[in-house]
Amino acid sequence: MNKIKEQAIKLIKMTPDADVDSLEDVLKEIYFKMQVDRGVAEIDAGLGISNEKAKKQLKKWLKD
């Protein structure tokens, strides 16, 4: 079995039954994990921003 399939199966098994009522719920969990993994990879690559810079940007956005 390939690595991607194994990761998907592991994620599905780890998700509590109470959180899964449909295939759509499973897909949402997979999509969420993909986004988290992408964010972690960006931070590891030095593409993230500091909390201070993020706070300043949010303040600017919320003012406008």
PDB file of N, CA and C in Angstrom:
ATOM      1  N   MET A   1       0.854  -1.174   0.000  1.00  0.00           N
ATOM      2  CA  MET A   1       0.000   0.000   0.000  1.00  0.00           C
ATOM      3  C   MET A   1       0.904   1.241   0.000  1.00  0.00           C
ATOM      4  N   ASN A   2       0.520   2.247  -0.773  1.00  0.00           N
ATOM      5  CA  ASN A   2       1.394   3.420  -0.826  1.00  0.00           C
ATOM      6  C   ASN A   2       1.221   4.318   0.397  1.00  0.00           C
ATOM      7  N   LYS A   3       2.165   5.207   0.567  1.00  0.00           N
ATOM      8  CA  LYS A   3       2.236   6.050   1.772  1.00  0.00           C
ATOM      9  C   LYS A   3       1.000   6.948   1.924  1.00  0.00           C
ATOM     10  N   ILE A   4       0.528   7.526   0.845  1.00  0.00           N
ATOM     11  CA  ILE A   4      -0.626   8.426   0.909  1.00  0.00           C
ATOM     12  C   ILE A   4      -1.863   7.677   1.389  1.00  0.00           C
ATOM     13  N   LYS A   5      -2.076   6.507   0.829  1.00  0.00           N
ATOM     14  CA  LYS A   5      -3.227   5.698   1.218  1.00  0.00           C
ATOM     15  C   LYS A   5      -3.126   5.317   2.700  1.00  0.00           C
ATOM     16  N   GLU A   6      -1.939   4.950   3.129  1.00  0.00           N
ATOM     17  CA  GLU A   6      -1.729   4.601   4.536  1.00  0.00           C
ATOM     18  C   GLU A   6      -2.025   5.775   5.453  1.00  0.00           C
ATOM     19  N   GLN A   7      -1.591   6.983   5.061  1.00  0.00           N
ATOM     20  CA  GLN A   7      -1.856   8.174   5.864  1.00  0.00           C
ATOM     21  C   GLN A   7      -3.355   8.451   5.951  1.00  0.00           C
ATOM     22  N   ALA A   8      -4.071   8.290   4.841  1.00  0.00           N
ATOM     23  CA  ALA A   8      -5.518   8.531   4.824  1.00  0.00           C
ATOM     24  C   ALA A   8      -6.228   7.534   5.738  1.00  0.00           C
ATOM     25  N   ILE A   9      -5.843   6.278   5.657  1.00  0.00           N
ATOM     26  CA  ILE A   9      -6.458   5.261   6.505  1.00  0.00           C
ATOM     27  C   ILE A   9      -6.180   5.546   7.976  1.00  0.00           C
ATOM     28  N   LYS A  10      -4.957   5.918   8.280  1.00  0.00           N
ATOM     29  CA  LYS A  10      -4.591   6.236   9.668  1.00  0.00           C
ATOM     30  C   LYS A  10      -5.423   7.419  10.177  1.00  0.00           C
ATOM     31  N   LEU A  11      -5.566   8.447   9.358  1.00  0.00           N
ATOM     32  CA  LEU A  11      -6.342   9.618   9.758  1.00  0.00           C
ATOM     33  C   LEU A  11      -7.802   9.236  10.004  1.00  0.00           C
ATOM     34  N   ILE A  12      -8.376   8.435   9.129  1.00  0.00           N
ATOM     35  CA  ILE A  12      -9.769   8.012   9.287  1.00  0.00           C
ATOM     36  C   ILE A  12      -9.932   7.204  10.575  1.00  0.00           C
ATOM     37  N   LYS A  13      -8.989   6.312  10.850  1.00  0.00           N
ATOM     38  CA  LYS A  13      -9.069   5.505  12.065  1.00  0.00           C
ATOM     39  C   LYS A  13      -8.926   6.354  13.325  1.00  0.00           C
ATOM     40  N   MET A  14      -8.150   7.440  13.250  1.00  0.00           N
ATOM     41  CA  MET A  14      -7.930   8.308  14.411  1.00  0.00           C
ATOM     42  C   MET A  14      -9.107   9.241  14.676  1.00  0.00           C
ATOM     43  N   THR A  15      -9.932   9.486  13.680  1.00  0.00           N
ATOM     44  CA  THR A  15     -11.045  10.415  13.831  1.00  0.00           C
ATOM     45  C   THR A  15     -12.156   9.755  14.653  1.00  0.00           C
ATOM     46  N   PRO A  16     -12.586  10.417  15.738  1.00  0.00           N
ATOM     47  CA  PRO A  16     -13.655   9.838  16.563  1.00  0.00           C
ATOM     48  C   PRO A  16     -14.933   9.617  15.747  1.00  0.00           C
ATOM     49  N   ASP A  17     -15.607   8.507  16.016  1.00  0.00           N
ATOM     50  CA  ASP A  17     -16.846   8.195  15.302  1.00  0.00           C
ATOM     51  C   ASP A  17     -17.864   9.317  15.425  1.00  0.00           C
ATOM     52  N   ALA A  18     -17.876   9.999  16.560  1.00  0.00           N
ATOM     53  CA  ALA A  18     -18.841  11.078  16.779  1.00  0.00           C
ATOM     54  C   ALA A  18     -18.639  12.241  15.807  1.00  0.00           C
ATOM     55  N   ASP A  19     -17.435  12.354  15.236  1.00  0.00           N
ATOM     56  CA  ASP A  19     -17.132  13.453  14.314  1.00  0.00           C
ATOM     57  C   ASP A  19     -17.385  13.091  12.854  1.00  0.00           C
ATOM     58  N   VAL A  20     -17.804  11.859  12.588  1.00  0.00           N
ATOM     59  CA  VAL A  20     -17.966  11.406  11.209  1.00  0.00           C
ATOM     60  C   VAL A  20     -19.380  10.876  10.989  1.00  0.00           C
ATOM     61  N   ASP A  21     -20.165  11.681  10.291  1.00  0.00           N
ATOM     62  CA  ASP A  21     -21.531  11.265   9.963  1.00  0.00           C
ATOM     63  C   ASP A  21     -21.707  11.008   8.476  1.00  0.00           C
ATOM     64  N   SER A  22     -20.712  11.413   7.688  1.00  0.00           N
ATOM     65  CA  SER A  22     -20.853  11.271   6.242  1.00  0.00           C
ATOM     66  C   SER A  22     -19.474  11.237   5.589  1.00  0.00           C
ATOM     67  N   LEU A  23     -19.463  10.884   4.333  1.00  0.00           N
ATOM     68  CA  LEU A  23     -18.224  10.913   3.570  1.00  0.00           C
ATOM     69  C   LEU A  23     -17.676  12.341   3.505  1.00  0.00           C
ATOM     70  N   GLU A  24     -18.576  13.305   3.459  1.00  0.00           N
ATOM     71  CA  GLU A  24     -18.159  14.706   3.448  1.00  0.00           C
ATOM     72  C   GLU A  24     -17.348  15.040   4.703  1.00  0.00           C
ATOM     73  N   ASP A  25     -17.747  14.514   5.859  1.00  0.00           N
ATOM     74  CA  ASP A  25     -16.993  14.742   7.092  1.00  0.00           C
ATOM     75  C   ASP A  25     -15.584  14.166   6.986  1.00  0.00           C
ATOM     76  N   VAL A  26     -15.449  12.993   6.383  1.00  0.00           N
ATOM     77  CA  VAL A  26     -14.143  12.375   6.205  1.00  0.00           C
ATOM     78  C   VAL A  26     -13.280  13.250   5.295  1.00  0.00           C
ATOM     79  N   LEU A  27     -13.872  13.721   4.214  1.00  0.00           N
ATOM     80  CA  LEU A  27     -13.125  14.574   3.281  1.00  0.00           C
ATOM     81  C   LEU A  27     -12.700  15.885   3.940  1.00  0.00           C
ATOM     82  N   LYS A  28     -13.558  16.430   4.793  1.00  0.00           N
ATOM     83  CA  LYS A  28     -13.200  17.658   5.516  1.00  0.00           C
ATOM     84  C   LYS A  28     -12.001  17.418   6.424  1.00  0.00           C
ATOM     85  N   GLU A  29     -11.986  16.273   7.111  1.00  0.00           N
ATOM     86  CA  GLU A  29     -10.850  15.932   7.976  1.00  0.00           C
ATOM     87  C   GLU A  29      -9.563  15.808   7.165  1.00  0.00           C
ATOM     88  N   ILE A  30      -9.641  15.155   6.034  1.00  0.00           N
ATOM     89  CA  ILE A  30      -8.467  14.993   5.174  1.00  0.00           C
ATOM     90  C   ILE A  30      -7.989  16.347   4.667  1.00  0.00           C
ATOM     91  N   TYR A  31      -8.926  17.196   4.234  1.00  0.00           N
ATOM     92  CA  TYR A  31      -8.562  18.525   3.736  1.00  0.00           C
ATOM     93  C   TYR A  31      -7.909  19.360   4.838  1.00  0.00           C
ATOM     94  N   PHE A  32      -8.477  19.298   6.051  1.00  0.00           N
ATOM     95  CA  PHE A  32      -7.911  20.041   7.175  1.00  0.00           C
ATOM     96  C   PHE A  32      -6.470  19.602   7.429  1.00  0.00           C
ATOM     97  N   LYS A  33      -6.244  18.285   7.441  1.00  0.00           N
ATOM     98  CA  LYS A  33      -4.877  17.787   7.669  1.00  0.00           C
ATOM     99  C   LYS A  33      -3.932  18.248   6.570  1.00  0.00           C
ATOM    100  N   MET A  34      -4.415  18.251   5.331  1.00  0.00           N
ATOM    101  CA  MET A  34      -3.584  18.722   4.220  1.00  0.00           C
ATOM    102  C   MET A  34      -3.167  20.169   4.431  1.00  0.00           C
ATOM    103  N   GLN A  35      -4.108  21.002   4.867  1.00  0.00           N
ATOM    104  CA  GLN A  35      -3.807  22.413   5.079  1.00  0.00           C
ATOM    105  C   GLN A  35      -2.818  22.604   6.226  1.00  0.00           C
ATOM    106  N   VAL A  36      -2.993  21.837   7.301  1.00  0.00           N
ATOM    107  CA  VAL A  36      -2.051  21.925   8.433  1.00  0.00           C
ATOM    108  C   VAL A  36      -0.660  21.489   7.981  1.00  0.00           C
ATOM    109  N   ASP A  37      -0.584  20.377   7.263  1.00  0.00           N
ATOM    110  CA  ASP A  37       0.712  19.895   6.780  1.00  0.00           C
ATOM    111  C   ASP A  37       1.373  20.922   5.861  1.00  0.00           C
ATOM    112  N   ARG A  38       0.585  21.558   5.015  1.00  0.00           N
ATOM    113  CA  ARG A  38       1.124  22.589   4.112  1.00  0.00           C
ATOM    114  C   ARG A  38       1.671  23.774   4.925  1.00  0.00           C
ATOM    115  N   GLY A  39       0.934  24.178   5.943  1.00  0.00           N
ATOM    116  CA  GLY A  39       1.383  25.286   6.787  1.00  0.00           C
ATOM    117  C   GLY A  39       2.670  24.959   7.524  1.00  0.00           C
ATOM    118  N   VAL A  40       2.748  23.759   8.059  1.00  0.00           N
ATOM    119  CA  VAL A  40       3.960  23.336   8.766  1.00  0.00           C
ATOM    120  C   VAL A  40       5.150  23.311   7.803  1.00  0.00           C
ATOM    121  N   ALA A  41       4.931  22.818   6.594  1.00  0.00           N
ATOM    122  CA  ALA A  41       6.005  22.781   5.601  1.00  0.00           C
ATOM    123  C   ALA A  41       6.472  24.192   5.249  1.00  0.00           C
ATOM    124  N   GLU A  42       5.535  25.130   5.145  1.00  0.00           N
ATOM    125  CA  GLU A  42       5.906  26.518   4.844  1.00  0.00           C
ATOM    126  C   GLU A  42       6.724  27.120   5.982  1.00  0.00           C
ATOM    127  N   ILE A  43       6.318  26.857   7.206  1.00  0.00           N
ATOM    128  CA  ILE A  43       7.071  27.371   8.361  1.00  0.00           C
ATOM    129  C   ILE A  43       8.472  26.753   8.378  1.00  0.00           C
ATOM    130  N   ASP A  44       8.540  25.440   8.150  1.00  0.00           N
ATOM    131  CA  ASP A  44       9.849  24.760   8.119  1.00  0.00           C
ATOM    132  C   ASP A  44      10.755  25.330   7.029  1.00  0.00           C
ATOM    133  N   ALA A  45      10.156  25.822   5.950  1.00  0.00           N
ATOM    134  CA  ALA A  45      10.923  26.390   4.840  1.00  0.00           C
ATOM    135  C   ALA A  45      11.234  27.870   5.068  1.00  0.00           C
ATOM    136  N   GLY A  46      10.840  28.391   6.229  1.00  0.00           N
ATOM    137  CA  GLY A  46      11.129  29.788   6.547  1.00  0.00           C
ATOM    138  C   GLY A  46      10.167  30.772   5.900  1.00  0.00           C
ATOM    139  N   LEU A  47       9.008  30.302   5.482  1.00  0.00           N
ATOM    140  CA  LEU A  47       8.061  31.177   4.791  1.00  0.00           C
ATOM    141  C   LEU A  47       7.002  31.775   5.723  1.00  0.00           C
ATOM    142  N   GLY A  48       7.051  31.415   6.989  1.00  0.00           N
ATOM    143  CA  GLY A  48       6.068  31.935   7.943  1.00  0.00           C
ATOM    144  C   GLY A  48       6.419  33.355   8.375  1.00  0.00           C
ATOM    145  N   ILE A  49       5.510  33.943   9.141  1.00  0.00           N
ATOM    146  CA  ILE A  49       5.759  35.271   9.706  1.00  0.00           C
ATOM    147  C   ILE A  49       5.647  35.178  11.222  1.00  0.00           C
ATOM    148  N   SER A  50       6.232  36.131  11.912  1.00  0.00           N
ATOM    149  CA  SER A  50       6.210  36.125  13.373  1.00  0.00           C
ATOM    150  C   SER A  50       4.804  36.470  13.881  1.00  0.00           C
ATOM    151  N   ASN A  51       4.550  36.102  15.141  1.00  0.00           N
ATOM    152  CA  ASN A  51       3.266  36.450  15.759  1.00  0.00           C
ATOM    153  C   ASN A  51       3.064  37.957  15.776  1.00  0.00           C
ATOM    154  N   GLU A  52       4.135  38.674  16.052  1.00  0.00           N
ATOM    155  CA  GLU A  52       4.043  40.137  16.120  1.00  0.00           C
ATOM    156  C   GLU A  52       3.630  40.725  14.769  1.00  0.00           C
ATOM    157  N   LYS A  53       4.253  40.251  13.713  1.00  0.00           N
ATOM    158  CA  LYS A  53       3.912  40.733  12.382  1.00  0.00           C
ATOM    159  C   LYS A  53       2.475  40.361  12.011  1.00  0.00           C
ATOM    160  N   ALA A  54       2.065  39.153  12.396  1.00  0.00           N
ATOM    161  CA  ALA A  54       0.689  38.722  12.120  1.00  0.00           C
ATOM    162  C   ALA A  54      -0.313  39.591  12.867  1.00  0.00           C
ATOM    163  N   LYS A  55      -0.016  39.903  14.121  1.00  0.00           N
ATOM    164  CA  LYS A  55      -0.914  40.763  14.913  1.00  0.00           C
ATOM    165  C   LYS A  55      -1.043  42.137  14.275  1.00  0.00           C
ATOM    166  N   LYS A  56       0.087  42.698  13.835  1.00  0.00           N
ATOM    167  CA  LYS A  56       0.048  44.012  13.183  1.00  0.00           C
ATOM    168  C   LYS A  56      -0.794  43.970  11.918  1.00  0.00           C
ATOM    169  N   GLN A  57      -0.633  42.916  11.129  1.00  0.00           N
ATOM    170  CA  GLN A  57      -1.399  42.788   9.892  1.00  0.00           C
ATOM    171  C   GLN A  57      -2.892  42.639  10.184  1.00  0.00           C
ATOM    172  N   LEU A  58      -3.233  41.853  11.196  1.00  0.00           N
ATOM    173  CA  LEU A  58      -4.639  41.685  11.561  1.00  0.00           C
ATOM    174  C   LEU A  58      -5.258  43.003  12.025  1.00  0.00           C
ATOM    175  N   LYS A  59      -4.510  43.758  12.827  1.00  0.00           N
ATOM    176  CA  LYS A  59      -5.018  45.061  13.271  1.00  0.00           C
ATOM    177  C   LYS A  59      -5.294  45.956  12.075  1.00  0.00           C
ATOM    178  N   LYS A  60      -4.395  45.949  11.106  1.00  0.00           N
ATOM    179  CA  LYS A  60      -4.571  46.764   9.910  1.00  0.00           C
ATOM    180  C   LYS A  60      -5.817  46.318   9.146  1.00  0.00           C
ATOM    181  N   TRP A  61      -5.984  45.011   8.965  1.00  0.00           N
ATOM    182  CA  TRP A  61      -7.137  44.485   8.230  1.00  0.00           C
ATOM    183  C   TRP A  61      -8.449  44.810   8.948  1.00  0.00           C
ATOM    184  N   LEU A  62      -8.427  44.717  10.272  1.00  0.00           N
ATOM    185  CA  LEU A  62      -9.657  44.950  11.033  1.00  0.00           C
ATOM    186  C   LEU A  62     -10.041  46.420  11.082  1.00  0.00           C
ATOM    187  N   LYS A  63      -9.069  47.319  10.914  1.00  0.00           N
ATOM    188  CA  LYS A  63      -9.348  48.765  10.874  1.00  0.00           C
ATOM    189  C   LYS A  63     -10.075  49.147   9.600  1.00  0.00           C
ATOM    190  N   ASP A  64      -9.636  48.571   8.484  1.00  0.00           N
ATOM    191  CA  ASP A  64     -10.170  48.943   7.177  1.00  0.00           C
ATOM    192  C   ASP A  64     -11.577  48.528   6.981  1.00  0.00           C
TER     193      ASP A  64
END
